[in-house]
């Protein structure tokens, strides 16, 4: 009896992320931010994402200089450990790292001083305060563009300061920002209001990319459960996220 229940559970989430193919937002480098804490968890999550249909992972550790002062130098050693462990297991999934940059005054200083870690070519994942948009936001986005970068704003639906100013999302796009919704937002994981905004952004075709923003086991469990929602799966399959365009790019 237990065996059959396990198989049914596995079937409920196998292949449910095939519409993405490439996950552009996760925290799977162990021990350097608020994501996974150890190599074993990182490997487990990677294998589970593969089971759900992910073919390529661009994992994105936080770079928040006064909290997680990461760089190529801090990310490369633990990431290399993940790559080596995958090779030992015979797992050849395409995996690389970029970063999720927190936009503040310290970030502005990074833009001209060092090559930034990009998802692919010019695409750079950025975030801001959940409570208040920085007054220099337009300036920073313009500065990124002037240095050849294409900003991708992580989880716009989670910025509370835009919930009553929905027109600001269109302003962001006019400023050259692509928008990346979190998969968990659409499920209601972060609350009904965030889910509502995420659904409206999707309905208005304002979203370019989607990401798991996977940090820990509760996130993974919530992601695995989406296969039970046939209406949601239909929406995700039909939307046309641009993640797949990154799958074949090394």
Protein backbone atom coordinates (compact mmCIF):
# COMPACT_ATOMS: atom_id res chain seq x y z
CA UNK A 1 0.00 0.00 0.00
CA UNK A 2 2.76 2.46 0.94
CA UNK A 3 4.61 1.66 -2.32
CA UNK A 4 1.63 2.58 -4.48
CA UNK A 5 1.00 5.83 -2.57
CA UNK A 6 4.61 6.84 -3.15
CA UNK A 7 4.40 6.15 -6.87
CA UNK A 8 1.19 8.20 -7.15
CA UNK A 9 2.87 11.11 -5.37
CA UNK A 10 5.86 10.95 -7.66
CA UNK A 11 3.61 10.92 -10.72
CA UNK A 12 1.89 14.10 -9.56
CA UNK A 13 4.99 16.23 -10.06
CA UNK A 14 7.03 14.44 -12.74
CA UNK A 15 7.46 16.72 -15.74
CA UNK A 16 5.47 19.67 -14.36
CA UNK A 17 8.24 22.20 -15.13
CA UNK A 18 8.75 21.15 -18.75
CA UNK A 19 7.18 24.46 -19.81
CA UNK A 20 10.25 26.22 -18.31
CA UNK A 21 13.16 23.94 -19.26
CA UNK A 22 15.56 26.55 -17.83
CA UNK A 23 15.23 27.88 -14.29
CA UNK A 24 16.82 31.34 -14.13
CA UNK A 25 16.28 32.08 -10.42
CA UNK A 26 17.28 29.83 -7.51
CA UNK A 27 19.59 29.71 -4.52
CA UNK A 28 21.37 26.36 -4.82
CA UNK A 29 25.01 27.22 -4.07
CA UNK A 30 25.44 25.90 -0.53
CA UNK A 31 26.27 28.07 2.45
CA UNK A 32 26.68 31.53 0.90
CA UNK A 33 23.24 33.16 1.28
CA UNK A 34 19.79 32.30 2.63
CA UNK A 35 19.43 29.40 0.21
CA UNK A 36 20.55 25.80 0.65
CA UNK A 37 22.92 25.21 3.52
CA UNK A 38 24.77 22.08 2.43
CA UNK A 39 25.90 20.16 -0.63
CA UNK A 40 23.53 17.25 -0.04
CA UNK A 41 20.47 19.52 -0.17
CA UNK A 42 21.77 21.23 -3.29
CA UNK A 43 22.17 17.91 -5.09
CA UNK A 44 18.75 16.70 -3.95
CA UNK A 45 17.04 19.85 -5.20
CA UNK A 46 18.84 19.71 -8.55
CA UNK A 47 17.74 16.10 -9.06
CA UNK A 48 14.16 16.97 -8.10
CA UNK A 49 14.11 19.89 -10.53
CA UNK A 50 15.34 17.54 -13.25
CA UNK A 51 12.57 15.09 -12.44
CA UNK A 52 10.09 17.92 -12.90
CA UNK A 53 11.44 18.72 -16.38
CA UNK A 54 14.23 21.26 -15.81
CA UNK A 55 17.08 20.80 -18.31
CA UNK A 56 19.22 23.78 -17.35
CA UNK A 57 19.76 25.67 -14.10
CA UNK A 58 21.22 29.17 -13.80
CA UNK A 59 21.40 29.52 -10.05
CA UNK A 60 21.51 33.04 -8.65
CA UNK A 61 23.05 33.65 -5.21
CA UNK A 62 22.16 36.94 -3.56
CA UNK A 63 24.63 39.77 -3.85
CA UNK A 64 23.68 42.25 -1.12
CA UNK A 65 26.94 43.88 -0.20
CA UNK A 66 26.14 44.62 3.45
CA UNK A 67 24.63 41.19 4.05
CA UNK A 68 25.78 38.70 1.40
CA UNK A 69 28.91 40.28 -0.12
CA UNK A 70 29.25 37.61 -2.77
CA UNK A 71 31.37 37.74 -5.90
CA UNK A 72 32.94 35.33 -8.37
CA UNK A 73 35.57 34.58 -5.72
CA UNK A 74 33.05 33.54 -3.02
CA UNK A 75 30.65 31.72 -5.35
CA UNK A 76 33.08 29.70 -7.45
CA UNK A 77 34.50 27.29 -4.79
CA UNK A 78 31.15 25.99 -3.43
CA UNK A 79 29.65 25.95 -6.93
CA UNK A 80 32.62 23.92 -8.17
CA UNK A 81 31.91 21.47 -5.37
CA UNK A 82 28.36 21.07 -6.62
CA UNK A 83 29.59 20.52 -10.19
CA UNK A 84 32.14 17.94 -9.04
CA UNK A 85 29.55 16.04 -7.01
CA UNK A 86 27.18 15.99 -9.98
CA UNK A 87 29.94 14.58 -12.19
CA UNK A 88 30.66 11.87 -9.64
CA UNK A 89 26.99 10.89 -9.80
CA UNK A 90 27.06 10.86 -13.61
CA UNK A 91 24.68 13.81 -13.78
CA UNK A 92 25.47 16.07 -16.75
CA UNK A 93 22.72 18.67 -16.27
CA UNK A 94 23.66 22.09 -17.63
CA UNK A 95 24.22 24.26 -14.57
CA UNK A 96 25.92 27.62 -14.13
CA UNK A 97 25.71 30.58 -11.80
CA UNK A 98 24.83 34.23 -12.14
CA UNK A 99 23.55 36.40 -9.27
CA UNK A 100 20.52 38.21 -7.91
CA UNK A 101 21.72 41.75 -7.30
CA UNK A 102 20.05 43.93 -4.69
CA UNK A 103 19.80 47.44 -6.07
CA UNK A 104 21.11 50.03 -3.61
CA UNK A 105 23.87 52.64 -3.49
CA UNK A 106 26.54 49.96 -3.15
CA UNK A 107 25.19 48.15 -6.19
CA UNK A 108 25.44 51.36 -8.21
CA UNK A 109 29.17 51.43 -7.45
CA UNK A 110 29.55 47.90 -8.83
CA UNK A 111 28.08 48.67 -12.24
CA UNK A 112 31.09 50.40 -13.81
CA UNK A 113 33.78 48.81 -11.66
CA UNK A 114 33.48 45.09 -12.43
CA UNK A 115 31.80 42.76 -14.95
CA UNK A 116 28.48 41.74 -13.44
CA UNK A 117 27.32 38.12 -13.29
CA UNK A 118 24.68 37.70 -15.99
CA UNK A 119 22.12 35.03 -16.76
CA UNK A 120 23.18 35.04 -20.40
CA UNK A 121 24.86 37.71 -22.48
CA UNK A 122 23.38 41.02 -21.22
CA UNK A 123 20.60 39.64 -18.98
CA UNK A 124 21.12 40.54 -15.32
CA UNK A 125 18.78 39.56 -12.47
CA UNK A 126 18.05 42.40 -10.03
CA UNK A 127 15.78 43.02 -7.07
CA UNK A 128 14.90 45.90 -4.74
CA UNK A 129 13.31 46.55 -1.36
CA UNK A 130 9.92 44.93 -0.88
CA UNK A 131 8.68 47.96 1.03
CA UNK A 132 9.78 50.99 -0.97
CA UNK A 133 11.13 51.61 -4.45
CA UNK A 134 14.50 53.39 -4.30
CA UNK A 135 14.28 56.97 -5.60
CA UNK A 136 17.33 56.30 -7.79
CA UNK A 137 15.70 53.29 -9.51
CA UNK A 138 15.36 54.94 -12.93
CA UNK A 139 18.94 56.20 -12.67
CA UNK A 140 20.26 52.73 -11.86
CA UNK A 141 18.30 51.03 -14.63
CA UNK A 142 19.56 53.65 -17.09
CA UNK A 143 23.12 53.11 -15.88
CA UNK A 144 22.80 49.35 -16.38
CA UNK A 145 21.54 49.90 -19.91
CA UNK A 146 24.35 52.36 -20.66
CA UNK A 147 26.85 49.65 -19.71
CA UNK A 148 25.20 47.14 -22.03
CA UNK A 149 23.07 45.21 -19.53
CA UNK A 150 19.42 44.16 -19.85
CA UNK A 151 17.86 44.18 -16.34
CA UNK A 152 15.45 41.42 -15.40
CA UNK A 153 13.48 42.41 -12.29
CA UNK A 154 12.93 39.45 -9.98
CA UNK A 155 9.46 38.82 -8.55
CA UNK A 156 7.81 42.21 -9.32
CA UNK A 157 4.56 40.91 -7.84
CA UNK A 158 6.16 40.85 -4.38
CA UNK A 159 6.91 44.57 -4.19
CA UNK A 160 4.14 45.86 -1.96
CA UNK A 161 4.72 49.47 -2.97
CA UNK A 162 3.50 48.72 -6.50
CA UNK A 163 0.28 46.93 -5.55
CA UNK A 164 -1.68 50.19 -5.45
CA UNK A 165 0.32 51.70 -8.30
CA UNK A 166 -0.10 49.06 -10.97
CA UNK A 167 0.83 51.51 -13.73
CA UNK A 168 4.38 51.47 -12.34
CA UNK A 169 4.88 48.00 -13.80
CA UNK A 170 4.39 49.42 -17.28
CA UNK A 171 6.77 52.23 -16.33
CA UNK A 172 9.41 49.67 -15.45
CA UNK A 173 9.01 48.05 -18.84
CA UNK A 174 9.29 51.43 -20.53
CA UNK A 175 12.55 51.92 -18.65
CA UNK A 176 13.84 48.72 -20.26
CA UNK A 177 13.18 46.25 -17.46
CA UNK A 178 12.01 42.71 -18.19
CA UNK A 179 9.86 41.11 -15.49
CA UNK A 180 10.35 37.66 -13.92
CA UNK A 181 7.47 36.22 -11.91
CA UNK A 182 8.02 33.66 -9.15
CA UNK A 183 6.31 30.33 -9.73
CA UNK A 184 5.30 30.18 -6.07
CA UNK A 185 3.55 33.55 -6.28
CA UNK A 186 0.98 32.10 -8.67
CA UNK A 187 0.20 29.30 -6.22
CA UNK A 188 -0.61 31.68 -3.35
CA UNK A 189 2.48 30.64 -1.38
CA UNK A 190 3.27 34.24 -0.44
CA UNK A 191 -0.35 35.23 0.15
CA UNK A 192 -3.51 36.04 -1.79
CA UNK A 193 -2.59 39.64 -2.63
CA UNK A 194 0.70 38.67 -4.23
CA UNK A 195 -1.05 35.86 -6.08
CA UNK A 196 -3.64 38.33 -7.40
CA UNK A 197 -0.97 40.74 -8.69
CA UNK A 198 0.99 37.88 -10.28
CA UNK A 199 -2.12 36.66 -12.07
CA UNK A 200 -2.89 40.16 -13.37
CA UNK A 201 0.65 40.63 -14.65
CA UNK A 202 0.33 37.34 -16.50
CA UNK A 203 -3.12 38.20 -17.84
CA UNK A 204 -1.72 41.50 -19.16
CA UNK A 205 1.21 39.66 -20.81
CA UNK A 206 3.75 41.74 -18.91
CA UNK A 207 5.92 38.84 -17.74
CA UNK A 208 8.90 37.60 -19.78
CA UNK A 209 10.48 34.99 -17.52
CA UNK A 210 9.46 32.72 -14.65
CA UNK A 211 11.69 31.29 -11.90
CA UNK A 212 11.38 28.97 -8.94
CA UNK A 213 13.33 31.22 -6.52
CA UNK A 214 13.99 27.94 -4.73
CA UNK A 215 15.62 28.33 -1.30
CA UNK A 216 14.52 25.48 0.97
CA UNK A 217 12.38 22.38 1.48
CA UNK A 218 9.08 24.23 1.95
CA UNK A 219 9.58 25.90 -1.41
CA UNK A 220 10.31 22.54 -3.03
CA UNK A 221 7.22 20.94 -1.52
CA UNK A 222 5.04 23.81 -2.77
CA UNK A 223 6.54 23.58 -6.26
CA UNK A 224 5.94 19.84 -6.41
CA UNK A 225 2.30 20.33 -5.46
CA UNK A 226 1.41 22.52 -8.45
CA UNK A 227 0.91 19.46 -10.64
CA UNK A 228 -2.35 18.85 -8.80
CA UNK A 229 -3.80 22.14 -10.10
CA UNK A 230 -4.78 21.42 -13.71
CA UNK A 231 -6.02 24.98 -14.35
CA UNK A 232 -2.69 26.43 -13.22
CA UNK A 233 -0.72 23.91 -15.26
CA UNK A 234 -2.70 24.85 -18.37
CA UNK A 235 -1.93 28.54 -17.78
CA UNK A 236 1.77 27.85 -17.34
CA UNK A 237 1.98 25.58 -20.38
CA UNK A 238 0.26 28.07 -22.66
CA UNK A 239 1.76 31.37 -21.49
CA UNK A 240 4.95 31.38 -23.55
CA UNK A 241 7.67 32.25 -21.04
CA UNK A 242 11.04 32.97 -22.67
CA UNK A 243 12.98 30.59 -20.39
CA UNK A 244 13.18 27.95 -23.10
CA UNK A 245 15.11 30.32 -25.33
CA UNK A 246 18.00 30.07 -22.87
CA UNK A 247 18.11 26.27 -22.75
CA UNK A 248 20.38 25.72 -25.72
CA UNK A 249 22.71 28.64 -24.92
CA UNK A 250 25.84 27.62 -23.04
